[in-house]
C-alpha cells in the first residue's frame, strides 16, 4: 500500500513539475 501511494505521489509531482515548466516558458 505504501509503495502504491508513493508511486502516485511521484506521478503527481512529476506532472506538477511539467506544468510549472510549461507555465514558466
Protein backbone atom coordinates (compact mmCIF):
# COMPACT_ATOMS: atom_id res chain seq x y z
CA UNK A 1 0.00 0.00 0.00
CA UNK A 2 2.80 2.41 0.85
CA UNK A 3 4.58 1.75 -2.43
CA UNK A 4 1.30 2.40 -4.28
CA UNK A 5 0.84 5.75 -2.53
CA UNK A 6 4.47 6.70 -3.18
CA UNK A 7 4.07 5.92 -6.88
CA UNK A 8 1.00 8.18 -7.04
CA UNK A 9 2.95 10.97 -5.33
CA UNK A 10 5.82 10.55 -7.78
CA UNK A 11 3.45 10.83 -10.74
CA UNK A 12 1.69 13.82 -9.17
CA UNK A 13 4.93 15.71 -8.52
CA UNK A 14 6.25 14.88 -12.00
CA UNK A 15 3.07 16.25 -13.58
CA UNK A 16 3.12 19.41 -11.46
CA UNK A 17 6.81 19.91 -12.34
CA UNK A 18 5.97 19.65 -16.06
CA UNK A 19 3.14 22.17 -15.63
CA UNK A 20 5.47 24.59 -13.84
CA UNK A 21 7.98 24.30 -16.70
CA UNK A 22 5.26 24.91 -19.30
CA UNK A 23 3.92 27.94 -17.43
CA UNK A 24 7.46 29.25 -16.89
CA UNK A 25 8.05 29.40 -20.64
